[in-house]
């Protein structure tokens, strides 16, 4: 339905803004440097990623089915980005 399509688009927009904001942080840029940093979701979550004493848990779920391998790899790549150590050669807790 049109309503569900609109909701899906809004969710994807929110997740993209969050991903871009986290990528900016991992490159050493400020949260505010991207348009994504002004998105309502990223504004709400900003303290979780910028306050020194904040702790955030990221839960990524993947399918064990071989037909979902590409989706599972993308999920793990995005989760490794979120741990803040996704630089080339850096050890990540996602494995």
PDB file of N, CA and C in Angstrom:
ATOM      1  N   UNK A   1       0.834  -1.192   0.000  1.00  0.00           N
ATOM      2  CA  UNK A   1       0.000   0.000   0.000  1.00  0.00           C
ATOM      3  C   UNK A   1       0.877   1.254   0.000  1.00  0.00           C
ATOM      4  N   UNK A   2       0.278   2.363  -0.310  1.00  0.00           N
ATOM      5  CA  UNK A   2       1.009   3.639  -0.363  1.00  0.00           C
ATOM      6  C   UNK A   2       1.508   4.036   1.023  1.00  0.00           C
ATOM      7  N   UNK A   3       0.715   3.758   2.044  1.00  0.00           N
ATOM      8  CA  UNK A   3       1.120   4.109   3.408  1.00  0.00           C
ATOM      9  C   UNK A   3       2.358   3.325   3.823  1.00  0.00           C
ATOM     10  N   UNK A   4       2.371   2.042   3.509  1.00  0.00           N
ATOM     11  CA  UNK A   4       3.513   1.203   3.879  1.00  0.00           C
ATOM     12  C   UNK A   4       4.769   1.623   3.107  1.00  0.00           C
ATOM     13  N   UNK A   5       4.611   1.981   1.854  1.00  0.00           N
ATOM     14  CA  UNK A   5       5.739   2.450   1.049  1.00  0.00           C
ATOM     15  C   UNK A   5       6.317   3.735   1.633  1.00  0.00           C
ATOM     16  N   UNK A   6       5.447   4.629   2.059  1.00  0.00           N
ATOM     17  CA  UNK A   6       5.885   5.892   2.655  1.00  0.00           C
ATOM     18  C   UNK A   6       6.617   5.636   3.980  1.00  0.00           C
ATOM     19  N   UNK A   7       6.097   4.713   4.786  1.00  0.00           N
ATOM     20  CA  UNK A   7       6.756   4.364   6.053  1.00  0.00           C
ATOM     21  C   UNK A   7       8.129   3.755   5.808  1.00  0.00           C
ATOM     22  N   UNK A   8       8.219   2.866   4.817  1.00  0.00           N
ATOM     23  CA  UNK A   8       9.499   2.237   4.482  1.00  0.00           C
ATOM     24  C   UNK A   8      10.517   3.281   4.032  1.00  0.00           C
ATOM     25  N   UNK A   9      10.075   4.236   3.234  1.00  0.00           N
ATOM     26  CA  UNK A   9      10.966   5.299   2.779  1.00  0.00           C
ATOM     27  C   UNK A   9      11.468   6.140   3.947  1.00  0.00           C
ATOM     28  N   UNK A  10      10.589   6.425   4.903  1.00  0.00           N
ATOM     29  CA  UNK A  10      10.977   7.211   6.079  1.00  0.00           C
ATOM     30  C   UNK A  10      11.990   6.445   6.936  1.00  0.00           C
ATOM     31  N   UNK A  11      11.775   5.147   7.103  1.00  0.00           N
ATOM     32  CA  UNK A  11      12.717   4.325   7.876  1.00  0.00           C
ATOM     33  C   UNK A  11      14.074   4.288   7.183  1.00  0.00           C
ATOM     34  N   UNK A  12      14.081   4.066   5.874  1.00  0.00           N
ATOM     35  CA  UNK A  12      15.347   4.034   5.130  1.00  0.00           C
ATOM     36  C   UNK A  12      16.077   5.364   5.203  1.00  0.00           C
ATOM     37  N   UNK A  13      15.343   6.459   5.144  1.00  0.00           N
ATOM     38  CA  UNK A  13      15.948   7.791   5.250  1.00  0.00           C
ATOM     39  C   UNK A  13      16.597   7.975   6.620  1.00  0.00           C
ATOM     40  N   UNK A  14      15.911   7.537   7.662  1.00  0.00           N
ATOM     41  CA  UNK A  14      16.445   7.647   9.019  1.00  0.00           C
ATOM     42  C   UNK A  14      17.711   6.823   9.180  1.00  0.00           C
ATOM     43  N   UNK A  15      17.686   5.597   8.686  1.00  0.00           N
ATOM     44  CA  UNK A  15      18.854   4.727   8.810  1.00  0.00           C
ATOM     45  C   UNK A  15      20.035   5.247   7.995  1.00  0.00           C
ATOM     46  N   UNK A  16      19.770   5.798   6.831  1.00  0.00           N
ATOM     47  CA  UNK A  16      20.840   6.371   6.010  1.00  0.00           C
ATOM     48  C   UNK A  16      21.475   7.569   6.709  1.00  0.00           C
ATOM     49  N   UNK A  17      20.652   8.417   7.306  1.00  0.00           N
ATOM     50  CA  UNK A  17      21.175   9.581   8.031  1.00  0.00           C
ATOM     51  C   UNK A  17      22.034   9.132   9.203  1.00  0.00           C
ATOM     52  N   UNK A  18      21.590   8.109   9.919  1.00  0.00           N
ATOM     53  CA  UNK A  18      22.359   7.592  11.050  1.00  0.00           C
ATOM     54  C   UNK A  18      23.680   7.009  10.568  1.00  0.00           C
ATOM     55  N   UNK A  19      23.637   6.227   9.505  1.00  0.00           N
ATOM     56  CA  UNK A  19      24.857   5.620   8.969  1.00  0.00           C
ATOM     57  C   UNK A  19      25.856   6.696   8.538  1.00  0.00           C
ATOM     58  N   UNK A  20      25.394   7.722   7.857  1.00  0.00           N
ATOM     59  CA  UNK A  20      26.282   8.785   7.404  1.00  0.00           C
ATOM     60  C   UNK A  20      26.873   9.563   8.578  1.00  0.00           C
ATOM     61  N   UNK A  21      26.107   9.760   9.613  1.00  0.00           N
ATOM     62  CA  UNK A  21      26.613  10.461  10.798  1.00  0.00           C
ATOM     63  C   UNK A  21      27.681   9.640  11.503  1.00  0.00           C
ATOM     64  N   UNK A  22      27.463   8.333  11.617  1.00  0.00           N
ATOM     65  CA  UNK A  22      28.454   7.461  12.256  1.00  0.00           C
ATOM     66  C   UNK A  22      29.717   7.395  11.400  1.00  0.00           C
ATOM     67  N   UNK A  23      29.559   7.352  10.090  1.00  0.00           N
ATOM     68  CA  UNK A  23      30.738   7.368   9.213  1.00  0.00           C
ATOM     69  C   UNK A  23      31.536   8.652   9.398  1.00  0.00           C
ATOM     70  N   UNK A  24      30.847   9.771   9.539  1.00  0.00           N
ATOM     71  CA  UNK A  24      31.540  11.045   9.760  1.00  0.00           C
ATOM     72  C   UNK A  24      32.340  10.983  11.056  1.00  0.00           C
ATOM     73  N   UNK A  25      31.763  10.439  12.106  1.00  0.00           N
ATOM     74  CA  UNK A  25      32.484  10.312  13.377  1.00  0.00           C
ATOM     75  C   UNK A  25      33.699   9.407  13.226  1.00  0.00           C
ATOM     76  N   UNK A  26      33.548   8.306  12.499  1.00  0.00           N
ATOM     77  CA  UNK A  26      34.675   7.380  12.353  1.00  0.00           C
ATOM     78  C   UNK A  26      35.814   7.998  11.547  1.00  0.00           C
ATOM     79  N   UNK A  27      35.504   9.020  10.722  1.00  0.00           N
ATOM     80  CA  UNK A  27      36.548   9.745   9.980  1.00  0.00           C
ATOM     81  C   UNK A  27      37.107  10.910  10.778  1.00  0.00           C
ATOM     82  N   UNK A  28      36.610  11.100  11.999  1.00  0.00           N
ATOM     83  CA  UNK A  28      37.099  12.183  12.837  1.00  0.00           C
ATOM     84  C   UNK A  28      36.376  13.495  12.621  1.00  0.00           C
ATOM     85  N   UNK A  29      35.309  13.484  11.840  1.00  0.00           N
ATOM     86  CA  UNK A  29      34.532  14.697  11.600  1.00  0.00           C
ATOM     87  C   UNK A  29      33.502  14.865  12.714  1.00  0.00           C
ATOM     88  N   UNK A  30      32.984  16.055  12.840  1.00  0.00           N
ATOM     89  CA  UNK A  30      31.951  16.305  13.837  1.00  0.00           C
ATOM     90  C   UNK A  30      30.606  15.776  13.399  1.00  0.00           C
ATOM     91  N   UNK A  31      29.770  15.492  14.361  1.00  0.00           N
ATOM     92  CA  UNK A  31      28.419  14.980  14.109  1.00  0.00           C
ATOM     93  C   UNK A  31      27.615  15.961  13.256  1.00  0.00           C
ATOM     94  N   UNK A  32      27.867  17.228  13.434  1.00  0.00           N
ATOM     95  CA  UNK A  32      27.088  18.265  12.771  1.00  0.00           C
ATOM     96  C   UNK A  32      27.529  18.547  11.336  1.00  0.00           C
ATOM     97  N   UNK A  33      28.601  17.912  10.864  1.00  0.00           N
ATOM     98  CA  UNK A  33      29.150  18.268   9.562  1.00  0.00           C
ATOM     99  C   UNK A  33      28.316  17.782   8.386  1.00  0.00           C
ATOM    100  N   UNK A  34      27.436  16.857   8.622  1.00  0.00           N
ATOM    101  CA  UNK A  34      26.616  16.321   7.546  1.00  0.00           C
ATOM    102  C   UNK A  34      25.156  16.679   7.740  1.00  0.00           C
ATOM    103  N   UNK A  35      24.427  16.691   6.638  1.00  0.00           N
ATOM    104  CA  UNK A  35      22.983  16.913   6.726  1.00  0.00           C
ATOM    105  C   UNK A  35      22.340  15.831   7.586  1.00  0.00           C
ATOM    106  N   UNK A  36      22.899  14.620   7.561  1.00  0.00           N
ATOM    107  CA  UNK A  36      22.373  13.530   8.381  1.00  0.00           C
ATOM    108  C   UNK A  36      22.395  13.849   9.859  1.00  0.00           C
ATOM    109  N   UNK A  37      23.335  14.683  10.280  1.00  0.00           N
ATOM    110  CA  UNK A  37      23.425  15.059  11.684  1.00  0.00           C
ATOM    111  C   UNK A  37      22.272  15.939  12.138  1.00  0.00           C
ATOM    112  N   UNK A  38      21.524  16.458  11.177  1.00  0.00           N
ATOM    113  CA  UNK A  38      20.370  17.299  11.518  1.00  0.00           C
ATOM    114  C   UNK A  38      19.049  16.534  11.385  1.00  0.00           C
ATOM    115  N   UNK A  39      19.117  15.271  11.036  1.00  0.00           N
ATOM    116  CA  UNK A  39      17.916  14.441  10.908  1.00  0.00           C
ATOM    117  C   UNK A  39      17.346  14.193  12.316  1.00  0.00           C
ATOM    118  N   UNK A  40      16.024  14.124  12.460  1.00  0.00           N
ATOM    119  CA  UNK A  40      15.435  13.915  13.803  1.00  0.00           C
ATOM    120  C   UNK A  40      15.987  12.690  14.532  1.00  0.00           C
ATOM    121  N   UNK A  41      16.204  11.572  13.837  1.00  0.00           N
ATOM    122  CA  UNK A  41      16.734  10.379  14.500  1.00  0.00           C
ATOM    123  C   UNK A  41      18.153  10.616  15.000  1.00  0.00           C
ATOM    124  N   UNK A  42      18.988  11.222  14.166  1.00  0.00           N
ATOM    125  CA  UNK A  42      20.369  11.443  14.590  1.00  0.00           C
ATOM    126  C   UNK A  42      20.450  12.478  15.698  1.00  0.00           C
ATOM    127  N   UNK A  43      19.554  13.438  15.706  1.00  0.00           N
ATOM    128  CA  UNK A  43      19.521  14.407  16.806  1.00  0.00           C
ATOM    129  C   UNK A  43      19.164  13.714  18.113  1.00  0.00           C
ATOM    130  N   UNK A  44      18.219  12.797  18.043  1.00  0.00           N
ATOM    131  CA  UNK A  44      17.811  12.051  19.239  1.00  0.00           C
ATOM    132  C   UNK A  44      18.951  11.178  19.768  1.00  0.00           C
ATOM    133  N   UNK A  45      19.677  10.539  18.855  1.00  0.00           N
ATOM    134  CA  UNK A  45      20.733   9.603  19.248  1.00  0.00           C
ATOM    135  C   UNK A  45      22.106  10.244  19.427  1.00  0.00           C
ATOM    136  N   UNK A  46      22.244  11.497  19.070  1.00  0.00           N
ATOM    137  CA  UNK A  46      23.545  12.168  19.124  1.00  0.00           C
ATOM    138  C   UNK A  46      24.295  11.960  20.443  1.00  0.00           C
ATOM    139  N   UNK A  47      23.669  12.161  21.603  1.00  0.00           N
ATOM    140  CA  UNK A  47      24.414  11.968  22.855  1.00  0.00           C
ATOM    141  C   UNK A  47      24.960  10.544  23.018  1.00  0.00           C
ATOM    142  N   UNK A  48      24.288   9.562  22.442  1.00  0.00           N
ATOM    143  CA  UNK A  48      24.753   8.173  22.540  1.00  0.00           C
ATOM    144  C   UNK A  48      26.087   7.965  21.843  1.00  0.00           C
ATOM    145  N   UNK A  49      26.391   8.807  20.859  1.00  0.00           N
ATOM    146  CA  UNK A  49      27.614   8.654  20.090  1.00  0.00           C
ATOM    147  C   UNK A  49      28.652   9.724  20.377  1.00  0.00           C
ATOM    148  N   UNK A  50      28.280  10.792  21.032  1.00  0.00           N
ATOM    149  CA  UNK A  50      29.219  11.901  21.197  1.00  0.00           C
ATOM    150  C   UNK A  50      29.641  12.162  22.644  1.00  0.00           C
ATOM    151  N   UNK A  51      28.872  11.744  23.618  1.00  0.00           N
ATOM    152  CA  UNK A  51      29.266  11.973  25.010  1.00  0.00           C
ATOM    153  C   UNK A  51      30.298  10.933  25.427  1.00  0.00           C
ATOM    154  N   UNK A  52      31.383  11.368  26.056  1.00  0.00           N
ATOM    155  CA  UNK A  52      32.467  10.447  26.413  1.00  0.00           C
ATOM    156  C   UNK A  52      32.036   9.283  27.309  1.00  0.00           C
ATOM    157  N   UNK A  53      31.076   9.497  28.162  1.00  0.00           N
ATOM    158  CA  UNK A  53      30.656   8.441  29.083  1.00  0.00           C
ATOM    159  C   UNK A  53      29.483   7.613  28.560  1.00  0.00           C
ATOM    160  N   UNK A  54      29.057   7.836  27.332  1.00  0.00           N
ATOM    161  CA  UNK A  54      27.922   7.107  26.758  1.00  0.00           C
ATOM    162  C   UNK A  54      28.340   5.697  26.353  1.00  0.00           C
ATOM    163  N   UNK A  55      27.432   4.776  26.499  1.00  0.00           N
ATOM    164  CA  UNK A  55      27.634   3.390  26.064  1.00  0.00           C
ATOM    165  C   UNK A  55      26.461   3.019  25.169  1.00  0.00           C
ATOM    166  N   UNK A  56      26.765   2.448  24.030  1.00  0.00           N
ATOM    167  CA  UNK A  56      25.743   2.086  23.065  1.00  0.00           C
ATOM    168  C   UNK A  56      25.968   0.647  22.618  1.00  0.00           C
ATOM    169  N   UNK A  57      24.909  -0.130  22.552  1.00  0.00           N
ATOM    170  CA  UNK A  57      24.982  -1.505  22.058  1.00  0.00           C
ATOM    171  C   UNK A  57      24.324  -1.563  20.683  1.00  0.00           C
ATOM    172  N   UNK A  58      24.995  -2.197  19.772  1.00  0.00           N
ATOM    173  CA  UNK A  58      24.463  -2.394  18.438  1.00  0.00           C
ATOM    174  C   UNK A  58      24.193  -3.887  18.278  1.00  0.00           C
ATOM    175  N   UNK A  59      22.977  -4.219  17.906  1.00  0.00           N
ATOM    176  CA  UNK A  59      22.608  -5.609  17.696  1.00  0.00           C
ATOM    177  C   UNK A  59      22.311  -5.799  16.216  1.00  0.00           C
ATOM    178  N   UNK A  60      23.049  -6.700  15.600  1.00  0.00           N
ATOM    179  CA  UNK A  60      22.852  -6.989  14.183  1.00  0.00           C
ATOM    180  C   UNK A  60      22.406  -8.445  14.060  1.00  0.00           C
ATOM    181  N   UNK A  61      21.345  -8.671  13.334  1.00  0.00           N
ATOM    182  CA  UNK A  61      20.869 -10.039  13.140  1.00  0.00           C
ATOM    183  C   UNK A  61      21.083 -10.438  11.689  1.00  0.00           C
ATOM    184  N   UNK A  62      21.511 -11.668  11.501  1.00  0.00           N
ATOM    185  CA  UNK A  62      21.761 -12.184  10.157  1.00  0.00           C
ATOM    186  C   UNK A  62      21.113 -13.557  10.014  1.00  0.00           C
ATOM    187  N   UNK A  63      20.843 -13.897   8.794  1.00  0.00           N
ATOM    188  CA  UNK A  63      20.251 -15.194   8.485  1.00  0.00           C
ATOM    189  C   UNK A  63      21.360 -16.222   8.275  1.00  0.00           C
ATOM    190  N   UNK A  64      21.164 -17.446   8.767  1.00  0.00           N
ATOM    191  CA  UNK A  64      22.163 -18.495   8.516  1.00  0.00           C
ATOM    192  C   UNK A  64      22.035 -19.115   7.121  1.00  0.00           C
ATOM    193  N   UNK A  65      21.011 -18.726   6.391  1.00  0.00           N
ATOM    194  CA  UNK A  65      20.758 -19.303   5.070  1.00  0.00           C
ATOM    195  C   UNK A  65      21.779 -18.797   4.048  1.00  0.00           C
ATOM    196  N   UNK A  66      22.282 -19.711   3.223  1.00  0.00           N
ATOM    197  CA  UNK A  66      23.264 -19.326   2.204  1.00  0.00           C
ATOM    198  C   UNK A  66      22.667 -18.372   1.171  1.00  0.00           C
ATOM    199  N   UNK A  67      21.359 -18.398   0.976  1.00  0.00           N
ATOM    200  CA  UNK A  67      20.746 -17.481   0.007  1.00  0.00           C
ATOM    201  C   UNK A  67      20.768 -16.039   0.503  1.00  0.00           C
ATOM    202  N   UNK A  68      21.022 -15.824   1.786  1.00  0.00           N
ATOM    203  CA  UNK A  68      21.056 -14.483   2.367  1.00  0.00           C
ATOM    204  C   UNK A  68      22.475 -14.008   2.679  1.00  0.00           C
ATOM    205  N   UNK A  69      23.463 -14.666   2.111  1.00  0.00           N
ATOM    206  CA  UNK A  69      24.864 -14.352   2.412  1.00  0.00           C
ATOM    207  C   UNK A  69      25.197 -12.891   2.161  1.00  0.00           C
ATOM    208  N   UNK A  70      24.806 -12.362   1.017  1.00  0.00           N
ATOM    209  CA  UNK A  70      25.143 -10.972   0.694  1.00  0.00           C
ATOM    210  C   UNK A  70      24.502  -9.996   1.683  1.00  0.00           C
ATOM    211  N   UNK A  71      23.249 -10.251   2.049  1.00  0.00           N
ATOM    212  CA  UNK A  71      22.583  -9.394   3.032  1.00  0.00           C
ATOM    213  C   UNK A  71      23.267  -9.498   4.399  1.00  0.00           C
ATOM    214  N   UNK A  72      23.667 -10.716   4.762  1.00  0.00           N
ATOM    215  CA  UNK A  72      24.342 -10.919   6.045  1.00  0.00           C
ATOM    216  C   UNK A  72      25.675 -10.173   6.066  1.00  0.00           C
ATOM    217  N   UNK A  73      26.431 -10.252   4.975  1.00  0.00           N
ATOM    218  CA  UNK A  73      27.711  -9.540   4.913  1.00  0.00           C
ATOM    219  C   UNK A  73      27.518  -8.033   4.999  1.00  0.00           C
ATOM    220  N   UNK A  74      26.512  -7.508   4.328  1.00  0.00           N
ATOM    221  CA  UNK A  74      26.231  -6.068   4.405  1.00  0.00           C
ATOM    222  C   UNK A  74      25.859  -5.666   5.821  1.00  0.00           C
ATOM    223  N   UNK A  75      25.061  -6.485   6.483  1.00  0.00           N
ATOM    224  CA  UNK A  75      24.689  -6.199   7.869  1.00  0.00           C
ATOM    225  C   UNK A  75      25.924  -6.156   8.759  1.00  0.00           C
ATOM    226  N   UNK A  76      26.820  -7.121   8.595  1.00  0.00           N
ATOM    227  CA  UNK A  76      28.039  -7.156   9.406  1.00  0.00           C
ATOM    228  C   UNK A  76      28.967  -5.987   9.083  1.00  0.00           C
ATOM    229  N   UNK A  77      29.021  -5.588   7.819  1.00  0.00           N
ATOM    230  CA  UNK A  77      29.839  -4.417   7.460  1.00  0.00           C
ATOM    231  C   UNK A  77      29.308  -3.161   8.144  1.00  0.00           C
ATOM    232  N   UNK A  78      27.994  -2.993   8.125  1.00  0.00           N
ATOM    233  CA  UNK A  78      27.407  -1.816   8.763  1.00  0.00           C
ATOM    234  C   UNK A  78      27.601  -1.866  10.279  1.00  0.00           C
ATOM    235  N   UNK A  79      27.477  -3.035  10.861  1.00  0.00           N
ATOM    236  CA  UNK A  79      27.689  -3.161  12.306  1.00  0.00           C
ATOM    237  C   UNK A  79      29.140  -2.848  12.667  1.00  0.00           C
ATOM    238  N   UNK A  80      30.083  -3.278  11.833  1.00  0.00           N
ATOM    239  CA  UNK A  80      31.486  -2.990  12.136  1.00  0.00           C
ATOM    240  C   UNK A  80      31.768  -1.503  12.026  1.00  0.00           C
ATOM    241  N   UNK A  81      31.055  -0.813  11.167  1.00  0.00           N
ATOM    242  CA  UNK A  81      31.169   0.641  11.074  1.00  0.00           C
ATOM    243  C   UNK A  81      30.743   1.286  12.385  1.00  0.00           C
ATOM    244  N   UNK A  82      29.711   0.730  12.985  1.00  0.00           N
ATOM    245  CA  UNK A  82      29.144   1.305  14.198  1.00  0.00           C
ATOM    246  C   UNK A  82      30.069   1.140  15.406  1.00  0.00           C
ATOM    247  N   UNK A  83      30.992   0.171  15.356  1.00  0.00           N
ATOM    248  CA  UNK A  83      31.847  -0.012  16.535  1.00  0.00           C
ATOM    249  C   UNK A  83      32.968   1.007  16.614  1.00  0.00           C
ATOM    250  N   UNK A  84      33.076   1.857  15.587  1.00  0.00           N
ATOM    251  CA  UNK A  84      34.041   2.949  15.635  1.00  0.00           C
ATOM    252  C   UNK A  84      35.456   2.563  15.287  1.00  0.00           C
ATOM    253  N   UNK A  85      35.667   1.298  14.920  1.00  0.00           N
ATOM    254  CA  UNK A  85      37.008   0.844  14.582  1.00  0.00           C
ATOM    255  C   UNK A  85      37.041   0.207  13.206  1.00  0.00           C
ATOM    256  N   UNK A  86      36.257   0.707  12.294  1.00  0.00           N
ATOM    257  CA  UNK A  86      36.134   0.098  10.972  1.00  0.00           C
ATOM    258  C   UNK A  86      37.222   0.548  10.009  1.00  0.00           C
ATOM    259  N   UNK A  87      38.233   1.260  10.504  1.00  0.00           N
ATOM    260  CA  UNK A  87      39.333   1.679   9.635  1.00  0.00           C
ATOM    261  C   UNK A  87      40.050   0.460   9.062  1.00  0.00           C
ATOM    262  N   UNK A  88      40.665   0.644   7.924  1.00  0.00           N
ATOM    263  CA  UNK A  88      41.423  -0.439   7.277  1.00  0.00           C
ATOM    264  C   UNK A  88      42.449  -1.007   8.233  1.00  0.00           C
ATOM    265  N   UNK A  89      42.432  -2.305   8.413  1.00  0.00           N
ATOM    266  CA  UNK A  89      43.404  -2.962   9.267  1.00  0.00           C
ATOM    267  C   UNK A  89      43.068  -2.952  10.750  1.00  0.00           C
ATOM    268  N   UNK A  90      42.038  -2.257  11.161  1.00  0.00           N
ATOM    269  CA  UNK A  90      41.688  -2.213  12.579  1.00  0.00           C
ATOM    270  C   UNK A  90      40.939  -3.481  12.959  1.00  0.00           C
ATOM    271  N   UNK A  91      41.141  -3.951  14.162  1.00  0.00           N
ATOM    272  CA  UNK A  91      40.429  -5.126  14.655  1.00  0.00           C
ATOM    273  C   UNK A  91      39.018  -4.713  15.063  1.00  0.00           C
ATOM    274  N   UNK A  92      38.055  -5.501  14.671  1.00  0.00           N
ATOM    275  CA  UNK A  92      36.668  -5.203  15.006  1.00  0.00           C
ATOM    276  C   UNK A  92      36.093  -6.368  15.793  1.00  0.00           C
ATOM    277  N   UNK A  93      35.104  -6.099  16.637  1.00  0.00           N
ATOM    278  CA  UNK A  93      34.443  -7.160  17.384  1.00  0.00           C
ATOM    279  C   UNK A  93      33.493  -7.943  16.505  1.00  0.00           C
ATOM    280  N   UNK A  94      33.227  -7.452  15.298  1.00  0.00           N
ATOM    281  CA  UNK A  94      32.345  -8.171  14.385  1.00  0.00           C
ATOM    282  C   UNK A  94      33.210  -9.102  13.569  1.00  0.00           C
ATOM    283  N   UNK A  95      32.905 -10.384  13.619  1.00  0.00           N
ATOM    284  CA  UNK A  95      33.738 -11.307  12.865  1.00  0.00           C
ATOM    285  C   UNK A  95      33.002 -12.491  12.371  1.00  0.00           C
TER     286      UNK A  95
END
